[in-house]
């Protein structure tokens, strides 16, 4: 699943929080900042874990102010583990 998170989500440790939370849930994928100020992530794993991760993205870390979370299908391969990618 490809997820875009909008709001005050950069400079508030959102990517670190995403990495920690994804690892706790056993999710594979990646996270990165976008030049438009949003955060983008790809989550792959058990449906219940991915659904839980998407729900958690609506709040994120304490300093974040999420205004929107959009999830869409992702049809590209996802490597095992969870990583932080460069801003795009």
PDB file of N, CA and C in Angstrom:
ATOM      1  N   UNK A   1       0.846  -1.176   0.000  1.00  0.00           N
ATOM      2  CA  UNK A   1       0.000   0.000   0.000  1.00  0.00           C
ATOM      3  C   UNK A   1       0.893   1.241   0.000  1.00  0.00           C
ATOM      4  N   UNK A   2       0.593   2.190  -0.878  1.00  0.00           N
ATOM      5  CA  UNK A   2       1.288   3.474  -0.924  1.00  0.00           C
ATOM      6  C   UNK A   2       0.468   4.471  -0.115  1.00  0.00           C
ATOM      7  N   UNK A   3       1.118   5.175   0.804  1.00  0.00           N
ATOM      8  CA  UNK A   3       0.408   6.100   1.692  1.00  0.00           C
ATOM      9  C   UNK A   3       1.064   7.471   1.619  1.00  0.00           C
ATOM     10  N   UNK A   4       0.231   8.509   1.470  1.00  0.00           N
ATOM     11  CA  UNK A   4       0.713   9.887   1.528  1.00  0.00           C
ATOM     12  C   UNK A   4       0.083  10.548   2.742  1.00  0.00           C
ATOM     13  N   UNK A   5       0.940  11.146   3.576  1.00  0.00           N
ATOM     14  CA  UNK A   5       0.490  11.787   4.803  1.00  0.00           C
ATOM     15  C   UNK A   5       0.724  13.282   4.659  1.00  0.00           C
ATOM     16  N   UNK A   6      -0.332  14.067   4.879  1.00  0.00           N
ATOM     17  CA  UNK A   6      -0.249  15.521   4.715  1.00  0.00           C
ATOM     18  C   UNK A   6      -0.460  16.223   6.046  1.00  0.00           C
ATOM     19  N   UNK A   7       0.009  17.460   6.112  1.00  0.00           N
ATOM     20  CA  UNK A   7      -0.116  18.264   7.320  1.00  0.00           C
ATOM     21  C   UNK A   7       1.262  18.704   7.779  1.00  0.00           C
ATOM     22  N   UNK A   8       1.395  18.960   9.075  1.00  0.00           N
ATOM     23  CA  UNK A   8       2.700  19.299   9.635  1.00  0.00           C
ATOM     24  C   UNK A   8       3.387  17.980   9.995  1.00  0.00           C
ATOM     25  N   UNK A   9       4.046  17.393   8.980  1.00  0.00           N
ATOM     26  CA  UNK A   9       4.616  16.059   9.149  1.00  0.00           C
ATOM     27  C   UNK A   9       6.117  15.997   8.854  1.00  0.00           C
ATOM     28  N   UNK A  10       6.724  17.130   8.532  1.00  0.00           N
ATOM     29  CA  UNK A  10       8.174  17.166   8.350  1.00  0.00           C
ATOM     30  C   UNK A  10       8.786  17.991   9.474  1.00  0.00           C
ATOM     31  N   UNK A  11       9.955  17.561   9.935  1.00  0.00           N
ATOM     32  CA  UNK A  11      10.619  18.249  11.037  1.00  0.00           C
ATOM     33  C   UNK A  11      10.048  17.898  12.397  1.00  0.00           C
ATOM     34  N   UNK A  12       9.247  16.830  12.458  1.00  0.00           N
ATOM     35  CA  UNK A  12       8.618  16.414  13.717  1.00  0.00           C
ATOM     36  C   UNK A  12       8.892  14.935  14.012  1.00  0.00           C
ATOM     37  N   UNK A  13       9.934  14.388  13.389  1.00  0.00           N
ATOM     38  CA  UNK A  13      10.341  12.991  13.568  1.00  0.00           C
ATOM     39  C   UNK A  13       9.317  11.994  13.038  1.00  0.00           C
ATOM     40  N   UNK A  14       8.522  12.403  12.046  1.00  0.00           N
ATOM     41  CA  UNK A  14       7.499  11.500  11.497  1.00  0.00           C
ATOM     42  C   UNK A  14       8.132  10.277  10.842  1.00  0.00           C
ATOM     43  N   UNK A  15       9.217  10.470  10.091  1.00  0.00           N
ATOM     44  CA  UNK A  15       9.857   9.320   9.433  1.00  0.00           C
ATOM     45  C   UNK A  15      10.432   8.344  10.454  1.00  0.00           C
ATOM     46  N   UNK A  16      11.083   8.854  11.494  1.00  0.00           N
ATOM     47  CA  UNK A  16      11.614   7.965  12.535  1.00  0.00           C
ATOM     48  C   UNK A  16      10.489   7.209  13.225  1.00  0.00           C
ATOM     49  N   UNK A  17       9.411   7.905  13.531  1.00  0.00           N
ATOM     50  CA  UNK A  17       8.253   7.271  14.156  1.00  0.00           C
ATOM     51  C   UNK A  17       7.691   6.182  13.239  1.00  0.00           C
ATOM     52  N   UNK A  18       7.601   6.478  11.943  1.00  0.00           N
ATOM     53  CA  UNK A  18       7.087   5.502  10.979  1.00  0.00           C
ATOM     54  C   UNK A  18       7.974   4.266  10.946  1.00  0.00           C
ATOM     55  N   UNK A  19       9.277   4.466  10.913  1.00  0.00           N
ATOM     56  CA  UNK A  19      10.200   3.325  10.893  1.00  0.00           C
ATOM     57  C   UNK A  19      10.041   2.472  12.148  1.00  0.00           C
ATOM     58  N   UNK A  20      10.008   3.091  13.309  1.00  0.00           N
ATOM     59  CA  UNK A  20       9.873   2.351  14.567  1.00  0.00           C
ATOM     60  C   UNK A  20       8.548   1.601  14.630  1.00  0.00           C
ATOM     61  N   UNK A  21       7.459   2.269  14.257  1.00  0.00           N
ATOM     62  CA  UNK A  21       6.133   1.661  14.327  1.00  0.00           C
ATOM     63  C   UNK A  21       6.005   0.516  13.331  1.00  0.00           C
ATOM     64  N   UNK A  22       6.506   0.710  12.125  1.00  0.00           N
ATOM     65  CA  UNK A  22       6.452  -0.348  11.107  1.00  0.00           C
ATOM     66  C   UNK A  22       7.230  -1.578  11.560  1.00  0.00           C
ATOM     67  N   UNK A  23       8.394  -1.363  12.143  1.00  0.00           N
ATOM     68  CA  UNK A  23       9.196  -2.495  12.623  1.00  0.00           C
ATOM     69  C   UNK A  23       8.479  -3.232  13.747  1.00  0.00           C
ATOM     70  N   UNK A  24       7.825  -2.497  14.644  1.00  0.00           N
ATOM     71  CA  UNK A  24       7.075  -3.128  15.736  1.00  0.00           C
ATOM     72  C   UNK A  24       5.943  -3.996  15.202  1.00  0.00           C
ATOM     73  N   UNK A  25       5.332  -3.570  14.090  1.00  0.00           N
ATOM     74  CA  UNK A  25       4.204  -4.302  13.507  1.00  0.00           C
ATOM     75  C   UNK A  25       4.643  -5.364  12.501  1.00  0.00           C
ATOM     76  N   UNK A  26       5.943  -5.471  12.239  1.00  0.00           N
ATOM     77  CA  UNK A  26       6.444  -6.459  11.289  1.00  0.00           C
ATOM     78  C   UNK A  26       6.161  -6.112   9.841  1.00  0.00           C
ATOM     79  N   UNK A  27       6.151  -4.817   9.533  1.00  0.00           N
ATOM     80  CA  UNK A  27       5.830  -4.342   8.185  1.00  0.00           C
ATOM     81  C   UNK A  27       7.114  -4.066   7.410  1.00  0.00           C
ATOM     82  N   UNK A  28       7.118  -4.443   6.144  1.00  0.00           N
ATOM     83  CA  UNK A  28       8.206  -4.121   5.226  1.00  0.00           C
ATOM     84  C   UNK A  28       7.838  -2.866   4.457  1.00  0.00           C
ATOM     85  N   UNK A  29       8.862  -2.173   3.911  1.00  0.00           N
ATOM     86  CA  UNK A  29       8.582  -1.013   3.072  1.00  0.00           C
ATOM     87  C   UNK A  29       9.586   0.096   3.270  1.00  0.00           C
ATOM     88  N   UNK A  30       9.127   1.314   3.061  1.00  0.00           N
ATOM     89  CA  UNK A  30       9.998   2.484   3.168  1.00  0.00           C
ATOM     90  C   UNK A  30       9.185   3.743   3.455  1.00  0.00           C
ATOM     91  N   UNK A  31       9.906   4.815   3.826  1.00  0.00           N
ATOM     92  CA  UNK A  31       9.291   6.116   4.100  1.00  0.00           C
ATOM     93  C   UNK A  31      10.235   7.204   3.607  1.00  0.00           C
ATOM     94  N   UNK A  32       9.685   8.328   3.141  1.00  0.00           N
ATOM     95  CA  UNK A  32      10.503   9.465   2.715  1.00  0.00           C
ATOM     96  C   UNK A  32       9.692  10.749   2.774  1.00  0.00           C
ATOM     97  N   UNK A  33      10.414  11.872   2.920  1.00  0.00           N
ATOM     98  CA  UNK A  33       9.795  13.186   2.794  1.00  0.00           C
ATOM     99  C   UNK A  33       9.573  13.477   1.319  1.00  0.00           C
ATOM    100  N   UNK A  34       8.558  14.283   1.037  1.00  0.00           N
ATOM    101  CA  UNK A  34       8.308  14.760  -0.322  1.00  0.00           C
ATOM    102  C   UNK A  34       8.582  16.263  -0.343  1.00  0.00           C
ATOM    103  N   UNK A  35       8.994  16.755  -1.494  1.00  0.00           N
ATOM    104  CA  UNK A  35       9.299  18.185  -1.624  1.00  0.00           C
ATOM    105  C   UNK A  35       8.081  19.062  -1.377  1.00  0.00           C
ATOM    106  N   UNK A  36       6.871  18.499  -1.519  1.00  0.00           N
ATOM    107  CA  UNK A  36       5.651  19.282  -1.293  1.00  0.00           C
ATOM    108  C   UNK A  36       5.287  19.401   0.189  1.00  0.00           C
ATOM    109  N   UNK A  37       6.136  18.857   1.087  1.00  0.00           N
ATOM    110  CA  UNK A  37       5.886  18.956   2.523  1.00  0.00           C
ATOM    111  C   UNK A  37       5.191  17.754   3.119  1.00  0.00           C
ATOM    112  N   UNK A  38       4.797  16.803   2.284  1.00  0.00           N
ATOM    113  CA  UNK A  38       4.138  15.599   2.778  1.00  0.00           C
ATOM    114  C   UNK A  38       5.169  14.507   3.061  1.00  0.00           C
ATOM    115  N   UNK A  39       4.690  13.405   3.602  1.00  0.00           N
ATOM    116  CA  UNK A  39       5.506  12.211   3.804  1.00  0.00           C
ATOM    117  C   UNK A  39       4.854  11.095   3.005  1.00  0.00           C
ATOM    118  N   UNK A  40       5.672  10.310   2.318  1.00  0.00           N
ATOM    119  CA  UNK A  40       5.179   9.179   1.534  1.00  0.00           C
ATOM    120  C   UNK A  40       5.768   7.898   2.109  1.00  0.00           C
ATOM    121  N   UNK A  41       4.964   6.841   2.142  1.00  0.00           N
ATOM    122  CA  UNK A  41       5.443   5.560   2.643  1.00  0.00           C
ATOM    123  C   UNK A  41       4.810   4.426   1.851  1.00  0.00           C
ATOM    124  N   UNK A  42       5.486   3.291   1.853  1.00  0.00           N
ATOM    125  CA  UNK A  42       4.943   2.057   1.297  1.00  0.00           C
ATOM    126  C   UNK A  42       4.979   1.024   2.410  1.00  0.00           C
ATOM    127  N   UNK A  43       3.840   0.374   2.645  1.00  0.00           N
ATOM    128  CA  UNK A  43       3.719  -0.648   3.681  1.00  0.00           C
ATOM    129  C   UNK A  43       3.326  -1.971   3.041  1.00  0.00           C
ATOM    130  N   UNK A  44       4.006  -3.040   3.438  1.00  0.00           N
ATOM    131  CA  UNK A  44       3.703  -4.374   2.936  1.00  0.00           C
ATOM    132  C   UNK A  44       3.797  -5.357   4.099  1.00  0.00           C
ATOM    133  N   UNK A  45       2.826  -6.255   4.183  1.00  0.00           N
ATOM    134  CA  UNK A  45       2.823  -7.241   5.263  1.00  0.00           C
ATOM    135  C   UNK A  45       1.433  -7.804   5.437  1.00  0.00           C
ATOM    136  N   UNK A  46       1.181  -8.370   6.613  1.00  0.00           N
ATOM    137  CA  UNK A  46      -0.147  -8.914   6.907  1.00  0.00           C
ATOM    138  C   UNK A  46      -1.170  -7.786   6.853  1.00  0.00           C
ATOM    139  N   UNK A  47      -2.325  -8.094   6.299  1.00  0.00           N
ATOM    140  CA  UNK A  47      -3.374  -7.086   6.117  1.00  0.00           C
ATOM    141  C   UNK A  47      -3.721  -6.381   7.423  1.00  0.00           C
ATOM    142  N   UNK A  48      -3.833  -7.132   8.507  1.00  0.00           N
ATOM    143  CA  UNK A  48      -4.195  -6.510   9.790  1.00  0.00           C
ATOM    144  C   UNK A  48      -3.116  -5.536  10.256  1.00  0.00           C
ATOM    145  N   UNK A  49      -1.845  -5.885  10.035  1.00  0.00           N
ATOM    146  CA  UNK A  49      -0.746  -5.008  10.440  1.00  0.00           C
ATOM    147  C   UNK A  49      -0.707  -3.750   9.581  1.00  0.00           C
ATOM    148  N   UNK A  50      -0.894  -3.914   8.269  1.00  0.00           N
ATOM    149  CA  UNK A  50      -0.885  -2.757   7.368  1.00  0.00           C
ATOM    150  C   UNK A  50      -2.052  -1.829   7.689  1.00  0.00           C
ATOM    151  N   UNK A  51      -3.230  -2.396   7.918  1.00  0.00           N
ATOM    152  CA  UNK A  51      -4.394  -1.577   8.283  1.00  0.00           C
ATOM    153  C   UNK A  51      -4.144  -0.815   9.583  1.00  0.00           C
ATOM    154  N   UNK A  52      -3.528  -1.478  10.559  1.00  0.00           N
ATOM    155  CA  UNK A  52      -3.217  -0.822  11.833  1.00  0.00           C
ATOM    156  C   UNK A  52      -2.217   0.314  11.620  1.00  0.00           C
ATOM    157  N   UNK A  53      -1.231   0.092  10.758  1.00  0.00           N
ATOM    158  CA  UNK A  53      -0.227   1.127  10.480  1.00  0.00           C
ATOM    159  C   UNK A  53      -0.876   2.343   9.840  1.00  0.00           C
ATOM    160  N   UNK A  54      -1.762   2.111   8.877  1.00  0.00           N
ATOM    161  CA  UNK A  54      -2.449   3.230   8.223  1.00  0.00           C
ATOM    162  C   UNK A  54      -3.250   4.026   9.251  1.00  0.00           C
ATOM    163  N   UNK A  55      -3.931   3.348  10.152  1.00  0.00           N
ATOM    164  CA  UNK A  55      -4.697   4.042  11.190  1.00  0.00           C
ATOM    165  C   UNK A  55      -3.780   4.872  12.086  1.00  0.00           C
ATOM    166  N   UNK A  56      -2.624   4.315  12.449  1.00  0.00           N
ATOM    167  CA  UNK A  56      -1.681   5.036  13.301  1.00  0.00           C
ATOM    168  C   UNK A  56      -1.121   6.274  12.599  1.00  0.00           C
ATOM    169  N   UNK A  57      -1.037   6.229  11.267  1.00  0.00           N
ATOM    170  CA  UNK A  57      -0.522   7.373  10.504  1.00  0.00           C
ATOM    171  C   UNK A  57      -1.412   8.604  10.642  1.00  0.00           C
ATOM    172  N   UNK A  58      -2.675   8.415  10.994  1.00  0.00           N
ATOM    173  CA  UNK A  58      -3.590   9.548  11.161  1.00  0.00           C
ATOM    174  C   UNK A  58      -3.192  10.432  12.348  1.00  0.00           C
ATOM    175  N   UNK A  59      -2.450   9.869  13.302  1.00  0.00           N
ATOM    176  CA  UNK A  59      -1.989  10.678  14.437  1.00  0.00           C
ATOM    177  C   UNK A  59      -0.481  10.892  14.387  1.00  0.00           C
ATOM    178  N   UNK A  60       0.292   9.843  14.113  1.00  0.00           N
ATOM    179  CA  UNK A  60       1.745   9.978  14.030  1.00  0.00           C
ATOM    180  C   UNK A  60       2.361  10.310  15.370  1.00  0.00           C
ATOM    181  N   UNK A  61       3.586  10.861  15.365  1.00  0.00           N
ATOM    182  CA  UNK A  61       4.242  11.224  16.622  1.00  0.00           C
ATOM    183  C   UNK A  61       3.564  12.440  17.258  1.00  0.00           C
ATOM    184  N   UNK A  62       3.873  12.676  18.519  1.00  0.00           N
ATOM    185  CA  UNK A  62       3.192  13.731  19.283  1.00  0.00           C
ATOM    186  C   UNK A  62       3.249  15.108  18.631  1.00  0.00           C
ATOM    187  N   UNK A  63       4.372  15.475  18.015  1.00  0.00           N
ATOM    188  CA  UNK A  63       4.524  16.823  17.453  1.00  0.00           C
ATOM    189  C   UNK A  63       3.851  17.001  16.090  1.00  0.00           C
ATOM    190  N   UNK A  64       3.441  15.913  15.469  1.00  0.00           N
ATOM    191  CA  UNK A  64       2.831  15.993  14.129  1.00  0.00           C
ATOM    192  C   UNK A  64       1.398  16.509  14.205  1.00  0.00           C
ATOM    193  N   UNK A  65       0.968  17.146  13.123  1.00  0.00           N
ATOM    194  CA  UNK A  65      -0.418  17.593  12.969  1.00  0.00           C
ATOM    195  C   UNK A  65      -0.890  17.107  11.603  1.00  0.00           C
ATOM    196  N   UNK A  66      -1.430  15.906  11.578  1.00  0.00           N
ATOM    197  CA  UNK A  66      -1.837  15.271  10.320  1.00  0.00           C
ATOM    198  C   UNK A  66      -3.188  15.820   9.878  1.00  0.00           C
ATOM    199  N   UNK A  67      -3.259  16.238   8.610  1.00  0.00           N
ATOM    200  CA  UNK A  67      -4.526  16.739   8.059  1.00  0.00           C
ATOM    201  C   UNK A  67      -5.133  15.775   7.049  1.00  0.00           C
ATOM    202  N   UNK A  68      -4.362  14.790   6.607  1.00  0.00           N
ATOM    203  CA  UNK A  68      -4.902  13.834   5.647  1.00  0.00           C
ATOM    204  C   UNK A  68      -3.984  12.646   5.437  1.00  0.00           C
ATOM    205  N   UNK A  69      -4.594  11.484   5.211  1.00  0.00           N
ATOM    206  CA  UNK A  69      -3.866  10.258   4.898  1.00  0.00           C
ATOM    207  C   UNK A  69      -4.562   9.616   3.711  1.00  0.00           C
ATOM    208  N   UNK A  70      -3.820   9.444   2.609  1.00  0.00           N
ATOM    209  CA  UNK A  70      -4.374   8.832   1.401  1.00  0.00           C
ATOM    210  C   UNK A  70      -3.643   7.526   1.141  1.00  0.00           C
ATOM    211  N   UNK A  71      -4.387   6.433   1.007  1.00  0.00           N
ATOM    212  CA  UNK A  71      -3.793   5.127   0.728  1.00  0.00           C
ATOM    213  C   UNK A  71      -4.241   4.652  -0.645  1.00  0.00           C
ATOM    214  N   UNK A  72      -3.300   4.077  -1.399  1.00  0.00           N
ATOM    215  CA  UNK A  72      -3.619   3.537  -2.721  1.00  0.00           C
ATOM    216  C   UNK A  72      -2.789   2.279  -2.959  1.00  0.00           C
ATOM    217  N   UNK A  73      -3.178   1.521  -3.962  1.00  0.00           N
ATOM    218  CA  UNK A  73      -2.488   0.267  -4.266  1.00  0.00           C
ATOM    219  C   UNK A  73      -1.047   0.527  -4.685  1.00  0.00           C
ATOM    220  N   UNK A  74      -0.173  -0.410  -4.364  1.00  0.00           N
ATOM    221  CA  UNK A  74       1.244  -0.360  -4.748  1.00  0.00           C
ATOM    222  C   UNK A  74       1.566  -1.697  -5.398  1.00  0.00           C
ATOM    223  N   UNK A  75       1.957  -1.671  -6.656  1.00  0.00           N
ATOM    224  CA  UNK A  75       2.168  -2.906  -7.404  1.00  0.00           C
ATOM    225  C   UNK A  75       3.626  -3.200  -7.716  1.00  0.00           C
ATOM    226  N   UNK A  76       4.537  -2.514  -7.069  1.00  0.00           N
ATOM    227  CA  UNK A  76       5.961  -2.753  -7.280  1.00  0.00           C
ATOM    228  C   UNK A  76       6.508  -3.618  -6.146  1.00  0.00           C
ATOM    229  N   UNK A  77       7.630  -4.302  -6.392  1.00  0.00           N
ATOM    230  CA  UNK A  77       8.210  -5.150  -5.341  1.00  0.00           C
ATOM    231  C   UNK A  77       8.600  -4.335  -4.103  1.00  0.00           C
ATOM    232  N   UNK A  78       8.484  -4.963  -2.942  1.00  0.00           N
ATOM    233  CA  UNK A  78       8.888  -4.345  -1.675  1.00  0.00           C
ATOM    234  C   UNK A  78       9.923  -5.262  -1.032  1.00  0.00           C
ATOM    235  N   UNK A  79      11.079  -4.712  -0.712  1.00  0.00           N
ATOM    236  CA  UNK A  79      12.149  -5.500  -0.102  1.00  0.00           C
ATOM    237  C   UNK A  79      11.855  -5.755   1.370  1.00  0.00           C
ATOM    238  N   UNK A  80      12.435  -6.814   1.899  1.00  0.00           N
ATOM    239  CA  UNK A  80      12.266  -7.140   3.305  1.00  0.00           C
ATOM    240  C   UNK A  80      12.952  -6.083   4.163  1.00  0.00           C
ATOM    241  N   UNK A  81      12.329  -5.743   5.278  1.00  0.00           N
ATOM    242  CA  UNK A  81      12.845  -4.710   6.167  1.00  0.00           C
ATOM    243  C   UNK A  81      12.146  -3.382   5.907  1.00  0.00           C
ATOM    244  N   UNK A  82      12.541  -2.362   6.649  1.00  0.00           N
ATOM    245  CA  UNK A  82      11.930  -1.043   6.497  1.00  0.00           C
ATOM    246  C   UNK A  82      13.038  -0.008   6.462  1.00  0.00           C
ATOM    247  N   UNK A  83      13.008   0.876   5.462  1.00  0.00           N
ATOM    248  CA  UNK A  83      14.090   1.844   5.282  1.00  0.00           C
ATOM    249  C   UNK A  83      13.573   3.259   5.072  1.00  0.00           C
ATOM    250  N   UNK A  84      14.484   4.205   5.266  1.00  0.00           N
ATOM    251  CA  UNK A  84      14.200   5.608   4.984  1.00  0.00           C
ATOM    252  C   UNK A  84      14.846   5.932   3.642  1.00  0.00           C
ATOM    253  N   UNK A  85      14.061   6.481   2.733  1.00  0.00           N
ATOM    254  CA  UNK A  85      14.577   6.853   1.414  1.00  0.00           C
ATOM    255  C   UNK A  85      14.814   8.359   1.353  1.00  0.00           C
ATOM    256  N   UNK A  86      15.568   8.766   0.336  1.00  0.00           N
ATOM    257  CA  UNK A  86      15.856  10.184   0.118  1.00  0.00           C
ATOM    258  C   UNK A  86      14.601  10.941  -0.289  1.00  0.00           C
ATOM    259  N   UNK A  87      14.574  12.225   0.018  1.00  0.00           N
ATOM    260  CA  UNK A  87      13.460  13.095  -0.363  1.00  0.00           C
ATOM    261  C   UNK A  87      13.270  13.074  -1.868  1.00  0.00           C
ATOM    262  N   UNK A  88      12.013  13.078  -2.285  1.00  0.00           N
ATOM    263  CA  UNK A  88      11.702  13.106  -3.718  1.00  0.00           C
ATOM    264  C   UNK A  88      10.708  14.208  -3.997  1.00  0.00           C
TER     265      UNK A  88
END
